[in-house]
Each structure stands twice: as C-alpha cells, then as structure tokens.
PDB file of N, CA and C in Angstrom:
ATOM      1  N   MET A   1      -1.851 -24.275 -49.152  1.00  0.00           N
ATOM      2  CA  MET A   1      -1.251 -23.002 -49.482  1.00  0.00           C
ATOM      3  C   MET A   1      -2.273 -22.140 -50.228  1.00  0.00           C
ATOM      4  N   ILE A   2      -2.211 -20.856 -50.007  1.00  0.00           N
ATOM      5  CA  ILE A   2      -3.016 -19.857 -50.705  1.00  0.00           C
ATOM      6  C   ILE A   2      -2.039 -18.956 -51.459  1.00  0.00           C
ATOM      7  N   THR A   3      -2.340 -18.663 -52.728  1.00  0.00           N
ATOM      8  CA  THR A   3      -1.479 -17.788 -53.517  1.00  0.00           C
ATOM      9  C   THR A   3      -2.322 -16.696 -54.171  1.00  0.00           C
ATOM     10  N   ALA A   4      -1.638 -15.709 -54.708  1.00  0.00           N
ATOM     11  CA  ALA A   4      -2.298 -14.623 -55.433  1.00  0.00           C
ATOM     12  C   ALA A   4      -1.495 -14.322 -56.688  1.00  0.00           C
ATOM     13  N   THR A   5      -2.199 -14.046 -57.777  1.00  0.00           N
ATOM     14  CA  THR A   5      -1.524 -13.689 -59.019  1.00  0.00           C
ATOM     15  C   THR A   5      -0.928 -12.295 -58.888  1.00  0.00           C
ATOM     16  N   GLU A   6      -0.048 -11.971 -59.816  1.00  0.00           N
ATOM     17  CA  GLU A   6       0.567 -10.649 -59.827  1.00  0.00           C
ATOM     18  C   GLU A   6      -0.493  -9.552 -59.927  1.00  0.00           C
ATOM     19  N   SER A   7      -1.514  -9.768 -60.753  1.00  0.00           N
ATOM     20  CA  SER A   7      -2.562  -8.747 -60.907  1.00  0.00           C
ATOM     21  C   SER A   7      -3.385  -8.593 -59.633  1.00  0.00           C
ATOM     22  N   ALA A   8      -3.630  -9.692 -58.914  1.00  0.00           N
ATOM     23  CA  ALA A   8      -4.368  -9.604 -57.653  1.00  0.00           C
ATOM     24  C   ALA A   8      -3.552  -8.859 -56.603  1.00  0.00           C
ATOM     25  N   VAL A   9      -2.273  -9.183 -56.496  1.00  0.00           N
ATOM     26  CA  VAL A   9      -1.400  -8.504 -55.530  1.00  0.00           C
ATOM     27  C   VAL A   9      -1.348  -7.013 -55.832  1.00  0.00           C
ATOM     28  N   ARG A  10      -1.190  -6.674 -57.093  1.00  0.00           N
ATOM     29  CA  ARG A  10      -1.119  -5.263 -57.491  1.00  0.00           C
ATOM     30  C   ARG A  10      -2.405  -4.522 -57.108  1.00  0.00           C
ATOM     31  N   GLU A  11      -3.566  -5.125 -57.360  1.00  0.00           N
ATOM     32  CA  GLU A  11      -4.843  -4.475 -57.045  1.00  0.00           C
ATOM     33  C   GLU A  11      -5.056  -4.363 -55.537  1.00  0.00           C
ATOM     34  N   VAL A  12      -4.728  -5.399 -54.786  1.00  0.00           N
ATOM     35  CA  VAL A  12      -4.877  -5.347 -53.328  1.00  0.00           C
ATOM     36  C   VAL A  12      -3.975  -4.260 -52.749  1.00  0.00           C
ATOM     37  N   LYS A  13      -2.737  -4.197 -53.196  1.00  0.00           N
ATOM     38  CA  LYS A  13      -1.817  -3.167 -52.694  1.00  0.00           C
ATOM     39  C   LYS A  13      -2.301  -1.767 -53.058  1.00  0.00           C
ATOM     40  N   ARG A  14      -2.907  -1.612 -54.243  1.00  0.00           N
ATOM     41  CA  ARG A  14      -3.465  -0.318 -54.636  1.00  0.00           C
ATOM     42  C   ARG A  14      -4.606   0.072 -53.700  1.00  0.00           C
ATOM     43  N   LEU A  15      -5.489  -0.880 -53.410  1.00  0.00           N
ATOM     44  CA  LEU A  15      -6.606  -0.617 -52.496  1.00  0.00           C
ATOM     45  C   LEU A  15      -6.104  -0.276 -51.094  1.00  0.00           C
ATOM     46  N   MET A  16      -5.088  -0.984 -50.640  1.00  0.00           N
ATOM     47  CA  MET A  16      -4.523  -0.712 -49.316  1.00  0.00           C
ATOM     48  C   MET A  16      -3.948   0.702 -49.257  1.00  0.00           C
ATOM     49  N   GLU A  17      -3.275   1.105 -50.316  1.00  0.00           N
ATOM     50  CA  GLU A  17      -2.705   2.451 -50.356  1.00  0.00           C
ATOM     51  C   GLU A  17      -3.808   3.504 -50.409  1.00  0.00           C
ATOM     52  N   ASP A  18      -4.818   3.277 -51.244  1.00  0.00           N
ATOM     53  CA  ASP A  18      -5.932   4.226 -51.372  1.00  0.00           C
ATOM     54  C   ASP A  18      -6.660   4.440 -50.046  1.00  0.00           C
ATOM     55  N   HIS A  19      -6.769   3.369 -49.252  1.00  0.00           N
ATOM     56  CA  HIS A  19      -7.514   3.433 -47.991  1.00  0.00           C
ATOM     57  C   HIS A  19      -6.599   3.575 -46.774  1.00  0.00           C
ATOM     58  N   LYS A  20      -5.316   3.840 -47.038  1.00  0.00           N
ATOM     59  CA  LYS A  20      -4.324   4.056 -45.975  1.00  0.00           C
ATOM     60  C   LYS A  20      -4.296   2.896 -44.969  1.00  0.00           C
ATOM     61  N   LEU A  21      -4.181   1.686 -45.493  1.00  0.00           N
ATOM     62  CA  LEU A  21      -4.156   0.473 -44.683  1.00  0.00           C
ATOM     63  C   LEU A  21      -2.759  -0.145 -44.713  1.00  0.00           C
ATOM     64  N   LYS A  22      -1.786   0.626 -44.312  1.00  0.00           N
ATOM     65  CA  LYS A  22      -0.383   0.243 -44.430  1.00  0.00           C
ATOM     66  C   LYS A  22      -0.068  -1.110 -43.789  1.00  0.00           C
ATOM     67  N   ASP A  23      -0.555  -1.363 -42.594  1.00  0.00           N
ATOM     68  CA  ASP A  23      -0.201  -2.583 -41.864  1.00  0.00           C
ATOM     69  C   ASP A  23      -1.273  -3.662 -41.930  1.00  0.00           C
ATOM     70  N   ALA A  24      -2.240  -3.510 -42.809  1.00  0.00           N
ATOM     71  CA  ALA A  24      -3.337  -4.474 -42.898  1.00  0.00           C
ATOM     72  C   ALA A  24      -2.884  -5.759 -43.585  1.00  0.00           C
ATOM     73  N   VAL A  25      -3.640  -6.814 -43.326  1.00  0.00           N
ATOM     74  CA  VAL A  25      -3.468  -8.080 -44.029  1.00  0.00           C
ATOM     75  C   VAL A  25      -4.737  -8.332 -44.825  1.00  0.00           C
ATOM     76  N   LEU A  26      -4.630  -9.137 -45.861  1.00  0.00           N
ATOM     77  CA  LEU A  26      -5.800  -9.518 -46.646  1.00  0.00           C
ATOM     78  C   LEU A  26      -6.392 -10.769 -46.027  1.00  0.00           C
ATOM     79  N   ARG A  27      -7.659 -10.690 -45.632  1.00  0.00           N
ATOM     80  CA  ARG A  27      -8.325 -11.839 -45.028  1.00  0.00           C
ATOM     81  C   ARG A  27      -9.261 -12.479 -46.051  1.00  0.00           C
ATOM     82  N   MET A  28      -9.039 -13.769 -46.298  1.00  0.00           N
ATOM     83  CA  MET A  28      -9.906 -14.554 -47.169  1.00  0.00           C
ATOM     84  C   MET A  28     -10.685 -15.523 -46.300  1.00  0.00           C
ATOM     85  N   GLY A  29     -11.926 -15.784 -46.686  1.00  0.00           N
ATOM     86  CA  GLY A  29     -12.722 -16.710 -45.906  1.00  0.00           C
ATOM     87  C   GLY A  29     -13.876 -17.285 -46.696  1.00  0.00           C
ATOM     88  N   VAL A  30     -14.629 -18.124 -46.020  1.00  0.00           N
ATOM     89  CA  VAL A  30     -15.795 -18.784 -46.589  1.00  0.00           C
ATOM     90  C   VAL A  30     -16.990 -18.449 -45.720  1.00  0.00           C
ATOM     91  N   ARG A  31     -18.084 -18.091 -46.368  1.00  0.00           N
ATOM     92  CA  ARG A  31     -19.333 -17.838 -45.642  1.00  0.00           C
ATOM     93  C   ARG A  31     -20.459 -18.546 -46.384  1.00  0.00           C
ATOM     94  N   GLY A  32     -20.963 -19.593 -45.786  1.00  0.00           N
ATOM     95  CA  GLY A  32     -22.081 -20.317 -46.378  1.00  0.00           C
ATOM     96  C   GLY A  32     -21.693 -21.100 -47.617  1.00  0.00           C
ATOM     97  N   MET A  33     -22.677 -21.790 -48.154  1.00  0.00           N
ATOM     98  CA  MET A  33     -22.462 -22.594 -49.352  1.00  0.00           C
ATOM     99  C   MET A  33     -23.437 -22.152 -50.436  1.00  0.00           C
ATOM    100  N   THR A  34     -22.992 -22.217 -51.678  1.00  0.00           N
ATOM    101  CA  THR A  34     -23.838 -21.937 -52.830  1.00  0.00           C
ATOM    102  C   THR A  34     -24.046 -23.253 -53.566  1.00  0.00           C
ATOM    103  N   CYS A  35     -24.765 -23.202 -54.667  1.00  0.00           N
ATOM    104  CA  CYS A  35     -25.008 -24.416 -55.443  1.00  0.00           C
ATOM    105  C   CYS A  35     -23.718 -25.001 -56.002  1.00  0.00           C
ATOM    106  N   SER A  36     -22.672 -24.209 -56.067  1.00  0.00           N
ATOM    107  CA  SER A  36     -21.425 -24.677 -56.668  1.00  0.00           C
ATOM    108  C   SER A  36     -20.271 -24.768 -55.674  1.00  0.00           C
ATOM    109  N   GLY A  37     -20.561 -24.630 -54.394  1.00  0.00           N
ATOM    110  CA  GLY A  37     -19.498 -24.704 -53.398  1.00  0.00           C
ATOM    111  C   GLY A  37     -19.577 -23.542 -52.432  1.00  0.00           C
ATOM    112  N   PRO A  38     -18.457 -23.223 -51.793  1.00  0.00           N
ATOM    113  CA  PRO A  38     -18.474 -22.177 -50.768  1.00  0.00           C
ATOM    114  C   PRO A  38     -18.674 -20.778 -51.336  1.00  0.00           C
ATOM    115  N   GLY A  39     -19.308 -19.908 -50.535  1.00  0.00           N
ATOM    116  CA  GLY A  39     -19.378 -18.487 -50.840  1.00  0.00           C
ATOM    117  C   GLY A  39     -18.155 -17.826 -50.229  1.00  0.00           C
ATOM    118  N   TYR A  40     -17.496 -16.975 -50.964  1.00  0.00           N
ATOM    119  CA  TYR A  40     -16.225 -16.401 -50.528  1.00  0.00           C
ATOM    120  C   TYR A  40     -16.396 -15.008 -49.943  1.00  0.00           C
ATOM    121  N   VAL A  41     -15.524 -14.681 -49.000  1.00  0.00           N
ATOM    122  CA  VAL A  41     -15.438 -13.326 -48.457  1.00  0.00           C
ATOM    123  C   VAL A  41     -13.982 -12.879 -48.541  1.00  0.00           C
ATOM    124  N   LEU A  42     -13.823 -11.582 -48.745  1.00  0.00           N
ATOM    125  CA  LEU A  42     -12.504 -11.007 -48.924  1.00  0.00           C
ATOM    126  C   LEU A  42     -12.517  -9.624 -48.302  1.00  0.00           C
ATOM    127  N   GLY A  43     -11.528  -9.321 -47.483  1.00  0.00           N
ATOM    128  CA  GLY A  43     -11.483  -8.006 -46.857  1.00  0.00           C
ATOM    129  C   GLY A  43     -10.143  -7.773 -46.185  1.00  0.00           C
ATOM    130  N   PHE A  44     -10.021  -6.613 -45.572  1.00  0.00           N
ATOM    131  CA  PHE A  44      -8.795  -6.259 -44.870  1.00  0.00           C
ATOM    132  C   PHE A  44      -8.992  -6.429 -43.376  1.00  0.00           C
ATOM    133  N   ASP A  45      -7.914  -6.749 -42.688  1.00  0.00           N
ATOM    134  CA  ASP A  45      -7.942  -6.909 -41.240  1.00  0.00           C
ATOM    135  C   ASP A  45      -6.661  -6.301 -40.685  1.00  0.00           C
ATOM    136  N   GLN A  46      -6.733  -5.827 -39.468  1.00  0.00           N
ATOM    137  CA  GLN A  46      -5.565  -5.238 -38.816  1.00  0.00           C
ATOM    138  C   GLN A  46      -4.840  -6.229 -37.914  1.00  0.00           C
ATOM    139  N   GLU A  47      -5.415  -7.405 -37.732  1.00  0.00           N
ATOM    140  CA  GLU A  47      -4.790  -8.365 -36.826  1.00  0.00           C
ATOM    141  C   GLU A  47      -4.766  -9.761 -37.427  1.00  0.00           C
ATOM    142  N   VAL A  48      -3.797 -10.532 -36.965  1.00  0.00           N
ATOM    143  CA  VAL A  48      -3.694 -11.940 -37.302  1.00  0.00           C
ATOM    144  C   VAL A  48      -4.066 -12.707 -36.045  1.00  0.00           C
ATOM    145  N   ARG A  49      -5.062 -13.559 -36.160  1.00  0.00           N
ATOM    146  CA  ARG A  49      -5.536 -14.322 -34.998  1.00  0.00           C
ATOM    147  C   ARG A  49      -4.695 -15.580 -34.788  1.00  0.00           C
ATOM    148  N   GLU A  50      -4.771 -16.085 -33.589  1.00  0.00           N
ATOM    149  CA  GLU A  50      -3.964 -17.243 -33.211  1.00  0.00           C
ATOM    150  C   GLU A  50      -4.222 -18.457 -34.100  1.00  0.00           C
ATOM    151  N   ASP A  51      -5.471 -18.668 -34.528  1.00  0.00           N
ATOM    152  CA  ASP A  51      -5.800 -19.850 -35.329  1.00  0.00           C
ATOM    153  C   ASP A  51      -5.733 -19.597 -36.837  1.00  0.00           C
ATOM    154  N   ASP A  52      -5.214 -18.445 -37.265  1.00  0.00           N
ATOM    155  CA  ASP A  52      -5.106 -18.127 -38.691  1.00  0.00           C
ATOM    156  C   ASP A  52      -3.954 -18.873 -39.355  1.00  0.00           C
ATOM    157  N   GLN A  53      -4.175 -19.238 -40.592  1.00  0.00           N
ATOM    158  CA  GLN A  53      -3.107 -19.690 -41.470  1.00  0.00           C
ATOM    159  C   GLN A  53      -2.595 -18.431 -42.172  1.00  0.00           C
ATOM    160  N   VAL A  54      -1.293 -18.238 -42.248  1.00  0.00           N
ATOM    161  CA  VAL A  54      -0.716 -17.023 -42.831  1.00  0.00           C
ATOM    162  C   VAL A  54       0.140 -17.402 -44.039  1.00  0.00           C
ATOM    163  N   PHE A  55      -0.091 -16.692 -45.142  1.00  0.00           N
ATOM    164  CA  PHE A  55       0.647 -16.929 -46.382  1.00  0.00           C
ATOM    165  C   PHE A  55       1.155 -15.595 -46.901  1.00  0.00           C
ATOM    166  N   GLU A  56       2.176 -15.639 -47.730  1.00  0.00           N
ATOM    167  CA  GLU A  56       2.688 -14.413 -48.334  1.00  0.00           C
ATOM    168  C   GLU A  56       2.834 -14.630 -49.831  1.00  0.00           C
ATOM    169  N   SER A  57       2.377 -13.653 -50.583  1.00  0.00           N
ATOM    170  CA  SER A  57       2.479 -13.701 -52.036  1.00  0.00           C
ATOM    171  C   SER A  57       2.977 -12.344 -52.518  1.00  0.00           C
ATOM    172  N   ASP A  58       4.199 -12.295 -53.013  1.00  0.00           N
ATOM    173  CA  ASP A  58       4.817 -11.044 -53.485  1.00  0.00           C
ATOM    174  C   ASP A  58       4.703  -9.910 -52.474  1.00  0.00           C
ATOM    175  N   GLY A  59       4.971 -10.213 -51.208  1.00  0.00           N
ATOM    176  CA  GLY A  59       4.942  -9.190 -50.170  1.00  0.00           C
ATOM    177  C   GLY A  59       3.572  -8.913 -49.582  1.00  0.00           C
ATOM    178  N   LEU A  60       2.538  -9.557 -50.106  1.00  0.00           N
ATOM    179  CA  LEU A  60       1.176  -9.400 -49.579  1.00  0.00           C
ATOM    180  C   LEU A  60       0.906 -10.514 -48.581  1.00  0.00           C
ATOM    181  N   ARG A  61       0.544 -10.126 -47.349  1.00  0.00           N
ATOM    182  CA  ARG A  61       0.199 -11.136 -46.335  1.00  0.00           C
ATOM    183  C   ARG A  61      -1.276 -11.484 -46.456  1.00  0.00           C
ATOM    184  N   ILE A  62      -1.544 -12.773 -46.593  1.00  0.00           N
ATOM    185  CA  ILE A  62      -2.901 -13.299 -46.725  1.00  0.00           C
ATOM    186  C   ILE A  62      -3.164 -14.183 -45.521  1.00  0.00           C
ATOM    187  N   VAL A  63      -4.287 -13.954 -44.841  1.00  0.00           N
ATOM    188  CA  VAL A  63      -4.643 -14.778 -43.689  1.00  0.00           C
ATOM    189  C   VAL A  63      -5.991 -15.447 -43.932  1.00  0.00           C
ATOM    190  N   VAL A  64      -6.095 -16.667 -43.418  1.00  0.00           N
ATOM    191  CA  VAL A  64      -7.310 -17.468 -43.567  1.00  0.00           C
ATOM    192  C   VAL A  64      -7.553 -18.169 -42.243  1.00  0.00           C
ATOM    193  N   ASP A  65      -8.785 -18.085 -41.734  1.00  0.00           N
ATOM    194  CA  ASP A  65      -9.079 -18.790 -40.488  1.00  0.00           C
ATOM    195  C   ASP A  65      -9.053 -20.298 -40.735  1.00  0.00           C
ATOM    196  N   GLU A  66      -8.837 -21.029 -39.672  1.00  0.00           N
ATOM    197  CA  GLU A  66      -8.655 -22.472 -39.746  1.00  0.00           C
ATOM    198  C   GLU A  66      -9.823 -23.179 -40.429  1.00  0.00           C
ATOM    199  N   GLN A  67     -11.049 -22.795 -40.103  1.00  0.00           N
ATOM    200  CA  GLN A  67     -12.234 -23.438 -40.673  1.00  0.00           C
ATOM    201  C   GLN A  67     -12.350 -23.168 -42.172  1.00  0.00           C
ATOM    202  N   SER A  68     -12.099 -21.933 -42.598  1.00  0.00           N
ATOM    203  CA  SER A  68     -12.175 -21.596 -44.023  1.00  0.00           C
ATOM    204  C   SER A  68     -11.083 -22.287 -44.823  1.00  0.00           C
ATOM    205  N   TYR A  69      -9.926 -22.486 -44.196  1.00  0.00           N
ATOM    206  CA  TYR A  69      -8.802 -23.083 -44.921  1.00  0.00           C
ATOM    207  C   TYR A  69      -9.136 -24.479 -45.433  1.00  0.00           C
ATOM    208  N   ILE A  70     -10.008 -25.179 -44.746  1.00  0.00           N
ATOM    209  CA  ILE A  70     -10.438 -26.503 -45.202  1.00  0.00           C
ATOM    210  C   ILE A  70     -10.975 -26.415 -46.626  1.00  0.00           C
ATOM    211  N   TYR A  71     -11.715 -25.346 -46.925  1.00  0.00           N
ATOM    212  CA  TYR A  71     -12.335 -25.165 -48.239  1.00  0.00           C
ATOM    213  C   TYR A  71     -11.450 -24.393 -49.216  1.00  0.00           C
ATOM    214  N   LEU A  72     -10.489 -23.627 -48.705  1.00  0.00           N
ATOM    215  CA  LEU A  72      -9.684 -22.747 -49.558  1.00  0.00           C
ATOM    216  C   LEU A  72      -8.293 -23.285 -49.883  1.00  0.00           C
ATOM    217  N   GLN A  73      -7.910 -24.394 -49.297  1.00  0.00           N
ATOM    218  CA  GLN A  73      -6.568 -24.924 -49.515  1.00  0.00           C
ATOM    219  C   GLN A  73      -6.301 -25.085 -51.012  1.00  0.00           C
ATOM    220  N   GLY A  74      -5.187 -24.508 -51.481  1.00  0.00           N
ATOM    221  CA  GLY A  74      -4.812 -24.592 -52.887  1.00  0.00           C
ATOM    222  C   GLY A  74      -5.391 -23.495 -53.763  1.00  0.00           C
ATOM    223  N   THR A  75      -6.162 -22.581 -53.175  1.00  0.00           N
ATOM    224  CA  THR A  75      -6.814 -21.523 -53.945  1.00  0.00           C
ATOM    225  C   THR A  75      -5.820 -20.454 -54.388  1.00  0.00           C
ATOM    226  N   GLU A  76      -6.036 -19.958 -55.596  1.00  0.00           N
ATOM    227  CA  GLU A  76      -5.280 -18.827 -56.127  1.00  0.00           C
ATOM    228  C   GLU A  76      -6.250 -17.661 -56.304  1.00  0.00           C
ATOM    229  N   LEU A  77      -5.915 -16.517 -55.729  1.00  0.00           N
ATOM    230  CA  LEU A  77      -6.712 -15.305 -55.897  1.00  0.00           C
ATOM    231  C   LEU A  77      -6.220 -14.581 -57.141  1.00  0.00           C
ATOM    232  N   ASP A  78      -7.153 -14.206 -58.004  1.00  0.00           N
ATOM    233  CA  ASP A  78      -6.805 -13.497 -59.233  1.00  0.00           C
ATOM    234  C   ASP A  78      -7.632 -12.222 -59.318  1.00  0.00           C
ATOM    235  N   PHE A  79      -7.179 -11.281 -60.121  1.00  0.00           N
ATOM    236  CA  PHE A  79      -7.936 -10.067 -60.404  1.00  0.00           C
ATOM    237  C   PHE A  79      -7.938  -9.870 -61.903  1.00  0.00           C
ATOM    238  N   THR A  80      -9.137  -9.714 -62.453  1.00  0.00           N
ATOM    239  CA  THR A  80      -9.265  -9.470 -63.887  1.00  0.00           C
ATOM    240  C   THR A  80     -10.078  -8.209 -64.099  1.00  0.00           C
ATOM    241  N   SER A  81      -9.806  -7.542 -65.206  1.00  0.00           N
ATOM    242  CA  SER A  81     -10.576  -6.347 -65.535  1.00  0.00           C
ATOM    243  C   SER A  81     -10.860  -6.333 -67.029  1.00  0.00           C
ATOM    244  N   ASP A  82     -11.970  -5.691 -67.372  1.00  0.00           N
ATOM    245  CA  ASP A  82     -12.343  -5.505 -68.768  1.00  0.00           C
ATOM    246  C   ASP A  82     -13.087  -4.180 -68.880  1.00  0.00           C
ATOM    247  N   VAL A  83     -13.727  -3.930 -69.996  1.00  0.00           N
ATOM    248  CA  VAL A  83     -14.406  -2.649 -70.209  1.00  0.00           C
ATOM    249  C   VAL A  83     -15.559  -2.431 -69.234  1.00  0.00           C
ATOM    250  N   HIS A  84     -16.068  -3.494 -68.634  1.00  0.00           N
ATOM    251  CA  HIS A  84     -17.190  -3.395 -67.695  1.00  0.00           C
ATOM    252  C   HIS A  84     -16.739  -3.230 -66.252  1.00  0.00           C
ATOM    253  N   GLY A  85     -15.442  -3.256 -66.013  1.00  0.00           N
ATOM    254  CA  GLY A  85     -14.924  -3.137 -64.653  1.00  0.00           C
ATOM    255  C   GLY A  85     -13.967  -4.271 -64.354  1.00  0.00           C
ATOM    256  N   GLY A  86     -13.839  -4.592 -63.090  1.00  0.00           N
ATOM    257  CA  GLY A  86     -12.926  -5.653 -62.697  1.00  0.00           C
ATOM    258  C   GLY A  86     -13.401  -6.324 -61.432  1.00  0.00           C
ATOM    259  N   GLY A  87     -12.752  -7.417 -61.098  1.00  0.00           N
ATOM    260  CA  GLY A  87     -13.122  -8.114 -59.885  1.00  0.00           C
ATOM    261  C   GLY A  87     -12.140  -9.209 -59.535  1.00  0.00           C
ATOM    262  N   PHE A  88     -12.222  -9.626 -58.296  1.00  0.00           N
ATOM    263  CA  PHE A  88     -11.392 -10.718 -57.812  1.00  0.00           C
ATOM    264  C   PHE A  88     -12.085 -12.039 -58.108  1.00  0.00           C
ATOM    265  N   GLN A  89     -11.275 -13.037 -58.384  1.00  0.00           N
ATOM    266  CA  GLN A  89     -11.789 -14.372 -58.654  1.00  0.00           C
ATOM    267  C   GLN A  89     -11.002 -15.374 -57.829  1.00  0.00           C
ATOM    268  N   PHE A  90     -11.707 -16.302 -57.217  1.00  0.00           N
ATOM    269  CA  PHE A  90     -11.087 -17.365 -56.439  1.00  0.00           C
ATOM    270  C   PHE A  90     -10.963 -18.585 -57.348  1.00  0.00           C
ATOM    271  N   ASN A  91      -9.750 -18.938 -57.729  1.00  0.00           N
ATOM    272  CA  ASN A  91      -9.510 -20.142 -58.523  1.00  0.00           C
ATOM    273  C   ASN A  91      -9.249 -21.279 -57.540  1.00  0.00           C
ATOM    274  N   ASN A  92     -10.329 -21.990 -57.216  1.00  0.00           N
ATOM    275  CA  ASN A  92     -10.293 -22.989 -56.159  1.00  0.00           C
ATOM    276  C   ASN A  92     -10.359 -24.389 -56.764  1.00  0.00           C
ATOM    277  N   PRO A  93      -9.290 -25.174 -56.646  1.00  0.00           N
ATOM    278  CA  PRO A  93      -9.283 -26.523 -57.213  1.00  0.00           C
ATOM    279  C   PRO A  93     -10.233 -27.477 -56.494  1.00  0.00           C
ATOM    280  N   ASN A  94     -10.752 -27.068 -55.348  1.00  0.00           N
ATOM    281  CA  ASN A  94     -11.660 -27.916 -54.578  1.00  0.00           C
ATOM    282  C   ASN A  94     -13.106 -27.794 -55.028  1.00  0.00           C
ATOM    283  N   ASN A  95     -13.425 -26.805 -55.872  1.00  0.00           N
ATOM    284  CA  ASN A  95     -14.789 -26.641 -56.371  1.00  0.00           C
ATOM    285  C   ASN A  95     -15.028 -27.637 -57.490  1.00  0.00           C
ATOM    286  N   LEU A  96     -15.756 -28.667 -57.185  1.00  0.00           N
ATOM    287  CA  LEU A  96     -16.035 -29.698 -58.178  1.00  0.00           C
ATOM    288  C   LEU A  96     -17.457 -29.607 -58.699  1.00  0.00           C
ATOM    289  N   ARG A  97     -18.320 -28.941 -57.973  1.00  0.00           N
ATOM    290  CA  ARG A  97     -19.716 -28.833 -58.372  1.00  0.00           C
ATOM    291  C   ARG A  97     -19.938 -27.520 -59.102  1.00  0.00           C
ATOM    292  N   SER A  98     -20.916 -27.527 -59.986  1.00  0.00           N
ATOM    293  CA  SER A  98     -21.325 -26.281 -60.631  1.00  0.00           C
ATOM    294  C   SER A  98     -22.780 -26.407 -61.038  1.00  0.00           C
ATOM    295  N   CYS A  99     -23.389 -25.284 -61.303  1.00  0.00           N
ATOM    296  CA  CYS A  99     -24.767 -25.281 -61.767  1.00  0.00           C
ATOM    297  C   CYS A  99     -24.841 -24.422 -63.018  1.00  0.00           C
ATOM    298  N   GLY A 100     -25.975 -24.372 -63.638  1.00  0.00           N
ATOM    299  CA  GLY A 100     -26.128 -23.631 -64.878  1.00  0.00           C
ATOM    300  C   GLY A 100     -26.207 -22.137 -64.710  1.00  0.00           C
ATOM    301  N   SER A 101     -26.371 -21.653 -63.479  1.00  0.00           N
ATOM    302  CA  SER A 101     -26.596 -20.219 -63.298  1.00  0.00           C
ATOM    303  C   SER A 101     -25.371 -19.436 -62.859  1.00  0.00           C
ATOM    304  N   CYS A 102     -24.276 -20.115 -62.539  1.00  0.00           N
ATOM    305  CA  CYS A 102     -23.082 -19.374 -62.128  1.00  0.00           C
ATOM    306  C   CYS A 102     -21.834 -20.181 -62.442  1.00  0.00           C
ATOM    307  N   SER A 103     -20.722 -19.503 -62.418  1.00  0.00           N
ATOM    308  CA  SER A 103     -19.455 -20.164 -62.750  1.00  0.00           C
ATOM    309  C   SER A 103     -18.813 -20.849 -61.552  1.00  0.00           C
ATOM    310  N   GLY A 104     -19.309 -20.568 -60.358  1.00  0.00           N
ATOM    311  CA  GLY A 104     -18.783 -21.220 -59.166  1.00  0.00           C
ATOM    312  C   GLY A 104     -17.636 -20.511 -58.496  1.00  0.00           C
ATOM    313  N   SER A 105     -16.875 -19.716 -59.211  1.00  0.00           N
ATOM    314  CA  SER A 105     -15.716 -19.090 -58.587  1.00  0.00           C
ATOM    315  C   SER A 105     -15.994 -17.680 -58.107  1.00  0.00           C
ATOM    316  N   CYS A 106     -17.164 -17.152 -58.447  1.00  0.00           N
ATOM    317  CA  CYS A 106     -17.410 -15.765 -58.056  1.00  0.00           C
ATOM    318  C   CYS A 106     -18.783 -15.546 -57.444  1.00  0.00           C
ATOM    319  N   CYS A 107     -19.686 -16.496 -57.521  1.00  0.00           N
ATOM    320  CA  CYS A 107     -21.009 -16.245 -56.935  1.00  0.00           C
ATOM    321  C   CYS A 107     -21.009 -16.611 -55.468  1.00  0.00           C
ATOM    322  N   GLY A 108     -21.973 -16.101 -54.749  1.00  0.00           N
ATOM    323  CA  GLY A 108     -22.057 -16.397 -53.323  1.00  0.00           C
ATOM    324  C   GLY A 108     -22.045 -15.183 -52.585  1.00  0.00           C
TER     325      GLY A 108
END
C-alpha cells in the first residue's frame, strides 16, 4: 500500500489546481539507485496503465508501476515546509541503508 499524509495531499491538490490538472493522477516511481536506496520520481499523469498499482489517499489517486512498487511498498508520501521552502519526502520503510552524505528519503 502507498499512502500520503494530509499535508502531502493538500499540496498535491493545490499543485493540480494551479496547473489545471483536474483529472490527473499522482505518479510515484523509482529511477536508479543511490547510496541509500532507490532514487524517487514524482509527477502527474493523465492515464493509468494496465500494470499500475492504484491507491487512494483522501481523494488523491496515486499510481505506481509494477516494477517501482517492489521498492515503494509501504511508503508514505509527506510534505514539509519551513522558512527555506518545502518539499515532498518519501517515508519508505524498505530503506535500510544510509550514508553520511544524505538522509536517504530525499536524495537521488
């Protein structure tokens, strides 16, 4: 299962409204590996593919391709902001490795 926090859902819906993406879905995926695990990708898509896993979190449809789901299963998408800005964070329970140069949940 893939979930999203209330703050992540709110930010994604705001972005969808700003960019007039009424019928879009949020696509999460994995691209390559970093020293601490998978590199993440996040974007909007207009279609759901046959091999996609589909999840819903507070009315937000999240899709993940079959291959990425192997690495993303159990992940929670979060959005945090501070005085320097904000960003999405993948809270992935499958990330067991880390290095001294990154936190593992946002680099890649």
